C-alpha atoms as a PDB file:
ATOM      1  CA  MET A   1     160.569  11.672 129.822  1.00  0.00           C
ATOM      2  CA  SER A   2     163.117  14.309 130.863  1.00  0.00           C
ATOM      3  CA  SER A   3     160.707  17.134 129.965  1.00  0.00           C
ATOM      4  CA  ASP A   4     158.055  15.539 132.206  1.00  0.00           C
ATOM      5  CA  ILE A   5     160.497  15.316 135.110  1.00  0.00           C
ATOM      6  CA  GLN A   6     161.534  18.942 134.566  1.00  0.00           C
ATOM      7  CA  SER A   7     157.894  20.040 134.642  1.00  0.00           C
ATOM      8  CA  TRP A   8     157.425  18.498 138.108  1.00  0.00           C
ATOM      9  CA  GLY A   9     159.663  21.021 139.872  1.00  0.00           C
ATOM     10  CA  SER A  10     157.011  22.067 142.391  1.00  0.00           C
ATOM     11  CA  SER A  11     154.572  20.281 144.657  1.00  0.00           C
ATOM     12  CA  GLU A  12     151.700  21.734 142.602  1.00  0.00           C
ATOM     13  CA  THR A  13     152.895  20.223 139.297  1.00  0.00           C
ATOM     14  CA  SER A  14     154.309  16.947 140.616  1.00  0.00           C
ATOM     15  CA  PRO A  15     152.113  13.849 140.272  1.00  0.00           C
ATOM     16  CA  SER A  16     152.696  13.048 143.955  1.00  0.00           C
ATOM     17  CA  GLY A  17     153.240  16.331 145.764  1.00  0.00           C
ATOM     18  CA  GLY A  18     156.990  15.818 146.031  1.00  0.00           C
ATOM     19  CA  VAL A  19     159.443  17.780 143.925  1.00  0.00           C
ATOM     20  CA  TYR A  20     161.307  16.112 141.044  1.00  0.00           C
ATOM     21  CA  GLU A  21     164.521  17.546 139.610  1.00  0.00           C
ATOM     22  CA  LEU A  22     166.508  16.480 136.583  1.00  0.00           C
ATOM     23  CA  TYR A  23     170.000  15.976 137.983  1.00  0.00           C
ATOM     24  CA  GLU A  24     171.852  14.674 134.929  1.00  0.00           C
ATOM     25  CA  SER A  25     171.127  13.060 131.583  1.00  0.00           C
ATOM     26  CA  SER A  26     172.921  11.790 128.503  1.00  0.00           C
ATOM     27  CA  ALA A  27     170.975  11.890 125.245  1.00  0.00           C
ATOM     28  CA  ASP A  28     169.410   8.462 124.698  1.00  0.00           C
ATOM     29  CA  ASP A  29     171.431   6.671 127.403  1.00  0.00           C
ATOM     30  CA  TYR A  30     170.110   7.643 130.820  1.00  0.00           C
ATOM     31  CA  ILE A  31     168.281  10.125 133.035  1.00  0.00           C
ATOM     32  CA  TRP A  32     169.254  10.673 136.656  1.00  0.00           C
ATOM     33  CA  SER A  33     166.605  12.501 138.635  1.00  0.00           C
ATOM     34  CA  GLN A  34     166.121  13.338 142.275  1.00  0.00           C
ATOM     35  CA  ARG A  35     162.905  13.707 144.226  1.00  0.00           C
ATOM     36  CA  LEU A  36     162.320  15.547 147.468  1.00  0.00           C
ATOM     37  CA  THR A  37     159.482  13.777 149.267  1.00  0.00           C
ATOM     38  CA  ARG A  38     156.159  15.459 149.955  1.00  0.00           C
ATOM     39  CA  ASP A  39     157.120  16.074 153.600  1.00  0.00           C
ATOM     40  CA  GLN A  40     160.429  17.596 152.373  1.00  0.00           C
ATOM     41  CA  GLN A  41     162.463  15.355 154.696  1.00  0.00           C
ATOM     42  CA  TYR A  42     163.994  12.828 152.288  1.00  0.00           C
ATOM     43  CA  THR A  43     165.707  12.944 148.921  1.00  0.00           C
ATOM     44  CA  ASP A  44     165.600   9.923 146.648  1.00  0.00           C
ATOM     45  CA  ASP A  45     167.615   9.292 143.474  1.00  0.00           C
ATOM     46  CA  GLN A  46     166.101   7.718 140.360  1.00  0.00           C
ATOM     47  CA  LEU A  47     168.117   6.339 137.472  1.00  0.00           C
ATOM     48  CA  PHE A  48     166.457   5.455 134.167  1.00  0.00           C
ATOM     49  CA  GLU A  49     168.645   3.655 131.613  1.00  0.00           C
ATOM     50  CA  PHE A  50     167.522   3.293 127.981  1.00  0.00           C
ATOM     51  CA  THR A  51     168.376   0.517 125.525  1.00  0.00           C
ATOM     52  CA  ASP A  52     167.055  -0.373 122.077  1.00  0.00           C
ATOM     53  CA  LEU A  53     164.908  -3.491 122.086  1.00  0.00           C
ATOM     54  CA  ASN A  54     163.245  -4.973 119.009  1.00  0.00           C
ATOM     55  CA  GLY A  55     162.704  -1.592 117.383  1.00  0.00           C
ATOM     56  CA  GLY A  56     161.450  -0.034 120.601  1.00  0.00           C
ATOM     57  CA  CYS A  57     162.904   1.318 123.787  1.00  0.00           C
ATOM     58  CA  HIS A  58     163.520  -0.620 126.991  1.00  0.00           C
ATOM     59  CA  VAL A  59     163.793   1.407 130.207  1.00  0.00           C
ATOM     60  CA  ASP A  60     165.386   0.089 133.396  1.00  0.00           C
ATOM     61  CA  GLY A  61     164.572   2.209 136.427  1.00  0.00           C
ATOM     62  CA  GLU A  62     166.026   2.198 139.908  1.00  0.00           C
ATOM     63  CA  SER A  63     165.212   4.391 142.891  1.00  0.00           C
ATOM     64  CA  ARG A  64     167.006   4.610 146.214  1.00  0.00           C
ATOM     65  CA  SER A  65     166.888   6.808 149.247  1.00  0.00           C
ATOM     66  CA  GLU A  66     169.904   8.986 149.922  1.00  0.00           C
ATOM     67  CA  ALA A  67     169.386   8.512 153.673  1.00  0.00           C
ATOM     68  CA  ASN A  68     169.365   5.128 155.396  1.00  0.00           C
ATOM     69  CA  SER A  69     165.928   3.645 154.813  1.00  0.00           C
ATOM     70  CA  VAL A  70     164.874   0.392 156.463  1.00  0.00           C
ATOM     71  CA  TYR A  71     161.226   0.469 155.399  1.00  0.00           C
ATOM     72  CA  ASP A  72     160.321   3.073 152.819  1.00  0.00           C
ATOM     73  CA  TYR A  73     156.517   2.577 152.697  1.00  0.00           C
ATOM     74  CA  ASN A  74     156.648   1.983 148.913  1.00  0.00           C
ATOM     75  CA  VAL A  75     158.199   5.407 148.258  1.00  0.00           C
ATOM     76  CA  ASN A  76     161.004   4.166 145.978  1.00  0.00           C
ATOM     77  CA  PHE A  77     158.566   2.068 143.970  1.00  0.00           C
ATOM     78  CA  CYS A  78     156.218   5.058 143.691  1.00  0.00           C
ATOM     79  CA  ASN A  79     159.063   7.386 142.676  1.00  0.00           C
ATOM     80  CA  LEU A  80     159.435   5.247 139.536  1.00  0.00           C
ATOM     81  CA  TRP A  81     155.751   4.487 139.024  1.00  0.00           C
ATOM     82  CA  ASN A  82     154.864   8.190 139.106  1.00  0.00           C
ATOM     83  CA  VAL A  83     157.403   8.940 136.368  1.00  0.00           C
ATOM     84  CA  TYR A  84     156.300   6.039 134.163  1.00  0.00           C
ATOM     85  CA  ASN A  85     152.628   6.855 134.675  1.00  0.00           C
ATOM     86  CA  GLY A  86     153.066  10.618 134.329  1.00  0.00           C
ATOM     87  CA  ALA A  87     155.186  10.373 131.183  1.00  0.00           C
ATOM     88  CA  GLY A  88     152.785   7.858 129.643  1.00  0.00           C
ATOM     89  CA  GLY A  89     153.338   5.463 126.780  1.00  0.00           C
ATOM     90  CA  PHE A  90     154.855   2.689 128.878  1.00  0.00           C
ATOM     91  CA  SER A  91     153.700  -0.912 128.816  1.00  0.00           C
ATOM     92  CA  ASN A  92     154.829  -4.242 130.226  1.00  0.00           C
ATOM     93  CA  LEU A  93     156.003  -2.739 133.509  1.00  0.00           C
ATOM     94  CA  GLU A  94     157.728  -5.274 135.739  1.00  0.00           C
ATOM     95  CA  HIS A  95     159.483  -4.985 139.068  1.00  0.00           C
ATOM     96  CA  THR A  96     162.432  -6.987 140.317  1.00  0.00           C
ATOM     97  CA  PHE A  97     164.585  -6.581 143.399  1.00  0.00           C
ATOM     98  CA  CYS A  98     161.792  -4.500 144.903  1.00  0.00           C
ATOM     99  CA  THR A  99     160.931  -5.472 148.461  1.00  0.00           C
ATOM    100  CA  TYR A 100     158.109  -2.943 148.862  1.00  0.00           C
ATOM    101  CA  TYR A 101     155.841  -2.416 145.885  1.00  0.00           C
ATOM    102  CA  VAL A 102     152.196  -1.723 145.194  1.00  0.00           C
ATOM    103  CA  ASP A 103     149.764  -3.786 143.111  1.00  0.00           C
ATOM    104  CA  ASP A 104     148.780  -2.113 139.842  1.00  0.00           C
ATOM    105  CA  SER A 105     145.199  -1.571 141.015  1.00  0.00           C
ATOM    106  CA  GLU A 106     146.394   0.279 144.140  1.00  0.00           C
ATOM    107  CA  ALA A 107     149.240   2.287 142.587  1.00  0.00           C
ATOM    108  CA  PRO A 108     147.236   5.382 141.513  1.00  0.00           C
ATOM    109  CA  VAL A 109     145.978   5.978 145.072  1.00  0.00           C
ATOM    110  CA  THR A 110     149.047   4.827 147.017  1.00  0.00           C
ATOM    111  CA  CYS A 111     151.601   6.578 144.803  1.00  0.00           C
ATOM    112  CA  ALA A 112     149.657   9.856 144.889  1.00  0.00           C
ATOM    113  CA  ARG A 113     150.492  10.034 148.637  1.00  0.00           C
ATOM    114  CA  TYR A 114     154.227   9.632 148.172  1.00  0.00           C
END
């Protein structure tokens, strides 16, 4: 997952036109990334925490805007979705505490904009 994030360091390689950067990581514990939005006006932080679960890996992800954001037009949801989708191999994706999210059928189109 961290190698995918590192490969999205330009708008040409990013799955959404924004720029991802690996900010910090700790082996099998967590990845903290940042993403500059496509319009280069906002920076969002993503935190992915890893735990063992029944012989597999469980990933909890959280994204938040560094600036005050009242309505983010699904950007924080898409920040995470783009990483999960781009890295591949994820199943049973669920969202909680997410006010603005996109239905699975709409995510490929909506999240490509953000």
